[in-house]
All heavy atoms as atom14 arrays in JSON, in Angstrom:
{
  "sequence": "AKEKELLNGLIGKLCKLDGLKINGAHQAPHILSLAIP",
  "atom14_mask": [
    [1, 1, 1, 1, 1, 0, 0, 0, 0, 0, 0, 0, 0, 0],
    [1, 1, 1, 1, 1, 1, 1, 1, 1, 0, 0, 0, 0, 0],
    [1, 1, 1, 1, 1, 1, 1, 1, 1, 0, 0, 0, 0, 0],
    [1, 1, 1, 1, 1, 1, 1, 1, 1, 0, 0, 0, 0, 0],
    [1, 1, 1, 1, 1, 1, 1, 1, 1, 0, 0, 0, 0, 0],
    [1, 1, 1, 1, 1, 1, 1, 1, 0, 0, 0, 0, 0, 0],
    [1, 1, 1, 1, 1, 1, 1, 1, 0, 0, 0, 0, 0, 0],
    [1, 1, 1, 1, 1, 1, 1, 1, 0, 0, 0, 0, 0, 0],
    [1, 1, 1, 1, 0, 0, 0, 0, 0, 0, 0, 0, 0, 0],
    [1, 1, 1, 1, 1, 1, 1, 1, 0, 0, 0, 0, 0, 0],
    [1, 1, 1, 1, 1, 1, 1, 1, 0, 0, 0, 0, 0, 0],
    [1, 1, 1, 1, 0, 0, 0, 0, 0, 0, 0, 0, 0, 0],
    [1, 1, 1, 1, 1, 1, 1, 1, 1, 0, 0, 0, 0, 0],
    [1, 1, 1, 1, 1, 1, 1, 1, 0, 0, 0, 0, 0, 0],
    [1, 1, 1, 1, 1, 1, 0, 0, 0, 0, 0, 0, 0, 0],
    [1, 1, 1, 1, 1, 1, 1, 1, 1, 0, 0, 0, 0, 0],
    [1, 1, 1, 1, 1, 1, 1, 1, 0, 0, 0, 0, 0, 0],
    [1, 1, 1, 1, 1, 1, 1, 1, 0, 0, 0, 0, 0, 0],
    [1, 1, 1, 1, 0, 0, 0, 0, 0, 0, 0, 0, 0, 0],
    [1, 1, 1, 1, 1, 1, 1, 1, 0, 0, 0, 0, 0, 0],
    [1, 1, 1, 1, 1, 1, 1, 1, 1, 0, 0, 0, 0, 0],
    [1, 1, 1, 1, 1, 1, 1, 1, 0, 0, 0, 0, 0, 0],
    [1, 1, 1, 1, 1, 1, 1, 1, 0, 0, 0, 0, 0, 0],
    [1, 1, 1, 1, 0, 0, 0, 0, 0, 0, 0, 0, 0, 0],
    [1, 1, 1, 1, 1, 0, 0, 0, 0, 0, 0, 0, 0, 0],
    [1, 1, 1, 1, 1, 1, 1, 1, 1, 1, 0, 0, 0, 0],
    [1, 1, 1, 1, 1, 1, 1, 1, 1, 0, 0, 0, 0, 0],
    [1, 1, 1, 1, 1, 0, 0, 0, 0, 0, 0, 0, 0, 0],
    [1, 1, 1, 1, 1, 1, 1, 0, 0, 0, 0, 0, 0, 0],
    [1, 1, 1, 1, 1, 1, 1, 1, 1, 1, 0, 0, 0, 0],
    [1, 1, 1, 1, 1, 1, 1, 1, 0, 0, 0, 0, 0, 0],
    [1, 1, 1, 1, 1, 1, 1, 1, 0, 0, 0, 0, 0, 0],
    [1, 1, 1, 1, 1, 1, 0, 0, 0, 0, 0, 0, 0, 0],
    [1, 1, 1, 1, 1, 1, 1, 1, 0, 0, 0, 0, 0, 0],
    [1, 1, 1, 1, 1, 0, 0, 0, 0, 0, 0, 0, 0, 0],
    [1, 1, 1, 1, 1, 1, 1, 1, 0, 0, 0, 0, 0, 0],
    [1, 1, 1, 1, 1, 1, 1, 0, 0, 0, 0, 0, 0, 0]
  ],
  "atom14_positions": [
    [[21.7, -42.2, 27.04], [22.9, -42.68, 27.73], [24.14, -42.04, 27.11], [25.08, -41.61, 27.82], [22.99, -44.18, 27.61], [0.0, 0.0, 0.0], [0.0, 0.0, 0.0], [0.0, 0.0, 0.0], [0.0, 0.0, 0.0], [0.0, 0.0, 0.0], [0.0, 0.0, 0.0], [0.0, 0.0, 0.0], [0.0, 0.0, 0.0], [0.0, 0.0, 0.0]],
    [[24.15, -41.93, 25.76], [25.28, -41.3, 25.08], [25.38, -39.82, 25.43], [26.45, -39.3, 25.7], [25.1, -41.45, 23.57], [26.13, -40.68, 22.74], [25.69, -40.55, 21.31], [26.56, -39.56, 20.55], [26.09, -39.28, 19.19], [0.0, 0.0, 0.0], [0.0, 0.0, 0.0], [0.0, 0.0, 0.0], [0.0, 0.0, 0.0], [0.0, 0.0, 0.0]],
    [[24.25, -39.12, 25.42], [24.23, -37.7, 25.74], [24.73, -37.44, 27.17], [25.5, -36.51, 27.43], [22.82, -37.12, 25.55], [22.4, -37.04, 24.1], [20.93, -36.69, 23.93], [20.33, -36.16, 24.86], [20.37, -36.99, 22.85], [0.0, 0.0, 0.0], [0.0, 0.0, 0.0], [0.0, 0.0, 0.0], [0.0, 0.0, 0.0], [0.0, 0.0, 0.0]],
    [[24.27, -38.27, 28.1], [24.69, -38.09, 29.5], [26.2, -38.34, 29.65], [26.89, -37.62, 30.38], [23.9, -39.05, 30.42], [24.0, -38.67, 31.88], [23.41, -37.28, 32.15], [23.53, -36.86, 33.58], [23.02, -35.49, 33.8], [0.0, 0.0, 0.0], [0.0, 0.0, 0.0], [0.0, 0.0, 0.0], [0.0, 0.0, 0.0], [0.0, 0.0, 0.0]],
    [[26.7, -39.33, 28.95], [28.14, -39.62, 28.98], [28.93, -38.44, 28.41], [29.95, -38.04, 28.98], [28.44, -40.89, 28.21], [29.91, -41.3, 28.26], [30.16, -42.59, 27.51], [29.22, -43.2, 26.97], [31.36, -43.0, 27.44], [0.0, 0.0, 0.0], [0.0, 0.0, 0.0], [0.0, 0.0, 0.0], [0.0, 0.0, 0.0], [0.0, 0.0, 0.0]],
    [[28.44, -37.92, 27.28], [29.13, -36.76, 26.67], [29.12, -35.55, 27.62], [30.12, -34.89, 27.78], [28.45, -36.41, 25.36], [28.71, -37.35, 24.17], [27.88, -36.93, 22.96], [30.19, -37.36, 23.81], [0.0, 0.0, 0.0], [0.0, 0.0, 0.0], [0.0, 0.0, 0.0], [0.0, 0.0, 0.0], [0.0, 0.0, 0.0], [0.0, 0.0, 0.0]],
    [[27.94, -35.31, 28.21], [27.82, -34.14, 29.08], [28.71, -34.29, 30.32], [29.37, -33.32, 30.73], [26.36, -33.94, 29.48], [25.93, -32.51, 29.78], [26.04, -31.65, 28.52], [24.5, -32.48, 30.3], [0.0, 0.0, 0.0], [0.0, 0.0, 0.0], [0.0, 0.0, 0.0], [0.0, 0.0, 0.0], [0.0, 0.0, 0.0], [0.0, 0.0, 0.0]],
    [[28.73, -35.49, 30.89], [29.58, -35.7, 32.07], [31.05, -35.57, 31.73], [31.85, -35.05, 32.53], [29.29, -37.1, 32.64], [27.97, -37.19, 33.38], [27.42, -36.16, 33.8], [27.44, -38.38, 33.52], [0.0, 0.0, 0.0], [0.0, 0.0, 0.0], [0.0, 0.0, 0.0], [0.0, 0.0, 0.0], [0.0, 0.0, 0.0], [0.0, 0.0, 0.0]],
    [[31.41, -36.02, 30.51], [32.8, -35.86, 30.1], [33.17, -34.4, 29.96], [34.28, -33.96, 30.33], [0.0, 0.0, 0.0], [0.0, 0.0, 0.0], [0.0, 0.0, 0.0], [0.0, 0.0, 0.0], [0.0, 0.0, 0.0], [0.0, 0.0, 0.0], [0.0, 0.0, 0.0], [0.0, 0.0, 0.0], [0.0, 0.0, 0.0], [0.0, 0.0, 0.0]],
    [[32.27, -33.59, 29.39], [32.49, -32.16, 29.23], [32.62, -31.5, 30.61], [33.52, -30.67, 30.83], [31.38, -31.53, 28.42], [31.44, -30.01, 28.25], [32.69, -29.6, 27.5], [30.16, -29.48, 27.54], [0.0, 0.0, 0.0], [0.0, 0.0, 0.0], [0.0, 0.0, 0.0], [0.0, 0.0, 0.0], [0.0, 0.0, 0.0], [0.0, 0.0, 0.0]],
    [[31.71, -31.84, 31.51], [31.76, -31.29, 32.87], [33.08, -31.6, 33.53], [33.69, -30.75, 34.21], [30.58, -31.8, 33.68], [29.25, -31.23, 33.15], [30.73, -31.45, 35.16], [28.02, -31.88, 33.73], [0.0, 0.0, 0.0], [0.0, 0.0, 0.0], [0.0, 0.0, 0.0], [0.0, 0.0, 0.0], [0.0, 0.0, 0.0], [0.0, 0.0, 0.0]],
    [[33.56, -32.82, 33.34], [34.85, -33.23, 33.96], [35.99, -32.35, 33.48], [36.87, -31.98, 34.26], [0.0, 0.0, 0.0], [0.0, 0.0, 0.0], [0.0, 0.0, 0.0], [0.0, 0.0, 0.0], [0.0, 0.0, 0.0], [0.0, 0.0, 0.0], [0.0, 0.0, 0.0], [0.0, 0.0, 0.0], [0.0, 0.0, 0.0], [0.0, 0.0, 0.0]],
    [[35.97, -31.99, 32.19], [37.03, -31.14, 31.63], [36.87, -29.71, 32.15], [37.86, -29.06, 32.52], [36.97, -31.15, 30.1], [37.37, -32.46, 29.46], [37.24, -32.37, 27.93], [37.61, -33.68, 27.3], [39.01, -34.09, 27.53], [0.0, 0.0, 0.0], [0.0, 0.0, 0.0], [0.0, 0.0, 0.0], [0.0, 0.0, 0.0], [0.0, 0.0, 0.0]],
    [[35.64, -29.21, 32.15], [35.39, -27.81, 32.51], [35.63, -27.53, 33.98], [35.99, -26.42, 34.36], [33.99, -27.4, 32.11], [33.67, -27.45, 30.59], [32.23, -27.04, 30.34], [34.61, -26.57, 29.81], [0.0, 0.0, 0.0], [0.0, 0.0, 0.0], [0.0, 0.0, 0.0], [0.0, 0.0, 0.0], [0.0, 0.0, 0.0], [0.0, 0.0, 0.0]],
    [[35.39, -28.54, 34.82], [35.57, -28.36, 36.27], [37.02, -28.03, 36.63], [37.3, -27.48, 37.72], [35.13, -29.62, 37.02], [33.35, -29.75, 37.18], [0.0, 0.0, 0.0], [0.0, 0.0, 0.0], [0.0, 0.0, 0.0], [0.0, 0.0, 0.0], [0.0, 0.0, 0.0], [0.0, 0.0, 0.0], [0.0, 0.0, 0.0], [0.0, 0.0, 0.0]],
    [[37.93, -28.38, 35.74], [39.34, -28.14, 36.0], [39.8, -26.73, 35.61], [40.94, -26.34, 35.88], [40.18, -29.16, 35.22], [39.91, -30.62, 35.59], [40.67, -31.57, 34.68], [40.33, -33.03, 35.0], [41.02, -33.98, 34.09], [0.0, 0.0, 0.0], [0.0, 0.0, 0.0], [0.0, 0.0, 0.0], [0.0, 0.0, 0.0], [0.0, 0.0, 0.0]],
    [[38.9, -25.97, 34.98], [39.25, -24.66, 34.49], [38.92, -23.58, 35.53], [37.81, -23.47, 36.01], [38.49, -24.37, 33.18], [38.72, -25.34, 32.04], [37.93, -24.92, 30.82], [40.21, -25.48, 31.71], [0.0, 0.0, 0.0], [0.0, 0.0, 0.0], [0.0, 0.0, 0.0], [0.0, 0.0, 0.0], [0.0, 0.0, 0.0], [0.0, 0.0, 0.0]],
    [[39.94, -22.79, 35.86], [39.76, -21.7, 36.82], [39.05, -20.54, 36.15], [39.42, -20.12, 35.05], [41.13, -21.25, 37.33], [41.02, -20.18, 38.4], [40.08, -20.26, 39.22], [41.85, -19.27, 38.4], [0.0, 0.0, 0.0], [0.0, 0.0, 0.0], [0.0, 0.0, 0.0], [0.0, 0.0, 0.0], [0.0, 0.0, 0.0], [0.0, 0.0, 0.0]],
    [[38.0, -20.03, 36.81], [37.24, -18.89, 36.27], [35.94, -19.27, 35.6], [35.22, -18.39, 35.16], [0.0, 0.0, 0.0], [0.0, 0.0, 0.0], [0.0, 0.0, 0.0], [0.0, 0.0, 0.0], [0.0, 0.0, 0.0], [0.0, 0.0, 0.0], [0.0, 0.0, 0.0], [0.0, 0.0, 0.0], [0.0, 0.0, 0.0], [0.0, 0.0, 0.0]],
    [[35.67, -20.55, 35.51], [34.4, -20.99, 34.89], [33.52, -21.61, 35.97], [33.98, -22.36, 36.85], [34.67, -22.02, 33.8], [33.45, -22.49, 33.04], [33.73, -22.57, 31.54], [32.97, -23.85, 33.54], [0.0, 0.0, 0.0], [0.0, 0.0, 0.0], [0.0, 0.0, 0.0], [0.0, 0.0, 0.0], [0.0, 0.0, 0.0], [0.0, 0.0, 0.0]],
    [[32.23, -21.31, 35.91], [31.25, -21.82, 36.86], [30.17, -22.62, 36.15], [29.7, -22.21, 35.07], [30.62, -20.68, 37.66], [29.65, -21.1, 38.74], [29.07, -19.89, 39.44], [28.21, -20.3, 40.62], [27.11, -21.19, 40.27], [0.0, 0.0, 0.0], [0.0, 0.0, 0.0], [0.0, 0.0, 0.0], [0.0, 0.0, 0.0], [0.0, 0.0, 0.0]],
    [[29.79, -23.74, 36.75], [28.65, -24.53, 36.21], [27.43, -24.18, 37.04], [27.45, -24.28, 38.27], [28.97, -26.01, 36.28], [30.13, -26.34, 35.35], [27.75, -26.84, 35.88], [30.61, -27.77, 35.39], [0.0, 0.0, 0.0], [0.0, 0.0, 0.0], [0.0, 0.0, 0.0], [0.0, 0.0, 0.0], [0.0, 0.0, 0.0], [0.0, 0.0, 0.0]],
    [[26.36, -23.78, 36.34], [25.13, -23.35, 37.01], [24.13, -24.51, 37.08], [23.97, -25.25, 36.12], [24.46, -22.2, 36.24], [25.38, -21.0, 36.07], [26.1, -20.65, 37.0], [25.32, -20.38, 34.91], [0.0, 0.0, 0.0], [0.0, 0.0, 0.0], [0.0, 0.0, 0.0], [0.0, 0.0, 0.0], [0.0, 0.0, 0.0], [0.0, 0.0, 0.0]],
    [[23.42, -24.61, 38.18], [22.23, -25.42, 38.25], [22.49, -26.92, 38.34], [23.61, -27.38, 38.47], [0.0, 0.0, 0.0], [0.0, 0.0, 0.0], [0.0, 0.0, 0.0], [0.0, 0.0, 0.0], [0.0, 0.0, 0.0], [0.0, 0.0, 0.0], [0.0, 0.0, 0.0], [0.0, 0.0, 0.0], [0.0, 0.0, 0.0], [0.0, 0.0, 0.0]],
    [[21.39, -27.67, 38.21], [21.42, -29.09, 38.49], [21.92, -29.94, 37.35], [22.45, -31.03, 37.55], [20.0, -29.54, 38.88], [0.0, 0.0, 0.0], [0.0, 0.0, 0.0], [0.0, 0.0, 0.0], [0.0, 0.0, 0.0], [0.0, 0.0, 0.0], [0.0, 0.0, 0.0], [0.0, 0.0, 0.0], [0.0, 0.0, 0.0], [0.0, 0.0, 0.0]],
    [[21.76, -29.48, 36.11], [22.07, -30.23, 34.89], [21.77, -31.74, 35.03], [22.59, -32.59, 34.72], [23.52, -29.98, 34.43], [24.6, -30.26, 35.45], [25.06, -31.51, 35.69], [25.28, -29.47, 36.28], [25.98, -31.49, 36.62], [26.15, -30.22, 36.98], [0.0, 0.0, 0.0], [0.0, 0.0, 0.0], [0.0, 0.0, 0.0], [0.0, 0.0, 0.0]],
    [[20.53, -32.05, 35.48], [20.13, -33.43, 35.63], [19.69, -34.07, 34.31], [19.83, -35.28, 34.13], [19.01, -33.52, 36.66], [19.41, -33.09, 38.06], [18.24, -32.54, 38.86], [17.27, -32.0, 38.34], [18.35, -32.65, 40.18], [0.0, 0.0, 0.0], [0.0, 0.0, 0.0], [0.0, 0.0, 0.0], [0.0, 0.0, 0.0], [0.0, 0.0, 0.0]],
    [[19.13, -33.27, 33.43], [18.74, -33.76, 32.1], [20.01, -34.1, 31.33], [21.07, -33.49, 31.55], [17.92, -32.73, 31.37], [0.0, 0.0, 0.0], [0.0, 0.0, 0.0], [0.0, 0.0, 0.0], [0.0, 0.0, 0.0], [0.0, 0.0, 0.0], [0.0, 0.0, 0.0], [0.0, 0.0, 0.0], [0.0, 0.0, 0.0], [0.0, 0.0, 0.0]],
    [[19.93, -35.01, 30.36], [21.15, -35.45, 29.68], [21.65, -34.5, 28.62], [22.72, -34.72, 28.03], [20.69, -36.77, 29.04], [19.23, -36.58, 28.78], [18.75, -35.78, 29.95], [0.0, 0.0, 0.0], [0.0, 0.0, 0.0], [0.0, 0.0, 0.0], [0.0, 0.0, 0.0], [0.0, 0.0, 0.0], [0.0, 0.0, 0.0], [0.0, 0.0, 0.0]],
    [[20.93, -33.41, 28.35], [21.27, -32.62, 27.16], [21.51, -31.12, 27.41], [21.81, -30.39, 26.48], [20.17, -32.73, 26.13], [18.81, -32.23, 26.54], [18.18, -32.7, 27.67], [18.0, -31.3, 26.0], [17.01, -32.08, 27.79], [16.89, -31.23, 26.81], [0.0, 0.0, 0.0], [0.0, 0.0, 0.0], [0.0, 0.0, 0.0], [0.0, 0.0, 0.0]],
    [[21.38, -30.65, 28.69], [21.45, -29.21, 28.95], [22.52, -28.93, 30.01], [22.56, -29.56, 31.06], [20.11, -28.66, 29.43], [19.03, -28.83, 28.35], [20.21, -27.17, 29.81], [17.63, -28.46, 28.79], [0.0, 0.0, 0.0], [0.0, 0.0, 0.0], [0.0, 0.0, 0.0], [0.0, 0.0, 0.0], [0.0, 0.0, 0.0], [0.0, 0.0, 0.0]],
    [[23.37, -27.94, 29.69], [24.4, -27.51, 30.66], [24.5, -25.98, 30.61], [24.71, -25.38, 29.53], [25.75, -28.13, 30.29], [26.92, -27.82, 31.24], [26.66, -28.4, 32.62], [28.22, -28.36, 30.67], [0.0, 0.0, 0.0], [0.0, 0.0, 0.0], [0.0, 0.0, 0.0], [0.0, 0.0, 0.0], [0.0, 0.0, 0.0], [0.0, 0.0, 0.0]],
    [[24.38, -25.34, 31.78], [24.51, -23.89, 31.89], [25.88, -23.57, 32.46], [26.28, -24.06, 33.51], [23.41, -23.32, 32.79], [23.6, -21.94, 32.95], [0.0, 0.0, 0.0], [0.0, 0.0, 0.0], [0.0, 0.0, 0.0], [0.0, 0.0, 0.0], [0.0, 0.0, 0.0], [0.0, 0.0, 0.0], [0.0, 0.0, 0.0], [0.0, 0.0, 0.0]],
    [[26.61, -22.7, 31.77], [27.95, -22.31, 32.17], [28.02, -20.8, 32.38], [27.23, -20.06, 31.78], [28.97, -22.69, 31.08], [29.0, -24.15, 30.67], [29.95, -24.34, 29.48], [29.41, -25.03, 31.83], [0.0, 0.0, 0.0], [0.0, 0.0, 0.0], [0.0, 0.0, 0.0], [0.0, 0.0, 0.0], [0.0, 0.0, 0.0], [0.0, 0.0, 0.0]],
    [[28.95, -20.35, 33.18], [29.16, -18.91, 33.39], [30.62, -18.61, 33.5], [31.41, -19.35, 34.1], [28.44, -18.46, 34.67], [0.0, 0.0, 0.0], [0.0, 0.0, 0.0], [0.0, 0.0, 0.0], [0.0, 0.0, 0.0], [0.0, 0.0, 0.0], [0.0, 0.0, 0.0], [0.0, 0.0, 0.0], [0.0, 0.0, 0.0], [0.0, 0.0, 0.0]],
    [[30.99, -17.48, 32.88], [32.35, -16.94, 33.02], [32.17, -15.52, 33.6], [31.97, -14.57, 32.83], [33.11, -16.91, 31.69], [33.22, -18.35, 31.13], [34.51, -16.3, 31.86], [33.91, -18.42, 29.78], [0.0, 0.0, 0.0], [0.0, 0.0, 0.0], [0.0, 0.0, 0.0], [0.0, 0.0, 0.0], [0.0, 0.0, 0.0], [0.0, 0.0, 0.0]],
    [[32.15, -15.4, 34.91], [31.95, -14.05, 35.51], [33.02, -13.09, 35.02], [34.21, -13.41, 34.97], [32.1, -14.34, 37.0], [31.74, -15.79, 37.18], [32.25, -16.45, 35.94], [0.0, 0.0, 0.0], [0.0, 0.0, 0.0], [0.0, 0.0, 0.0], [0.0, 0.0, 0.0], [0.0, 0.0, 0.0], [0.0, 0.0, 0.0], [0.0, 0.0, 0.0]]
  ]
}
């Protein structure tokens, strides 16, 4: 629960950044794939 909350919080911050892409489903609580083309 803590990991999922942390990951969702990070995603919320990163979604606001222009030029960054989030890859894939990131359904697990501990994995996030990012891309900066």
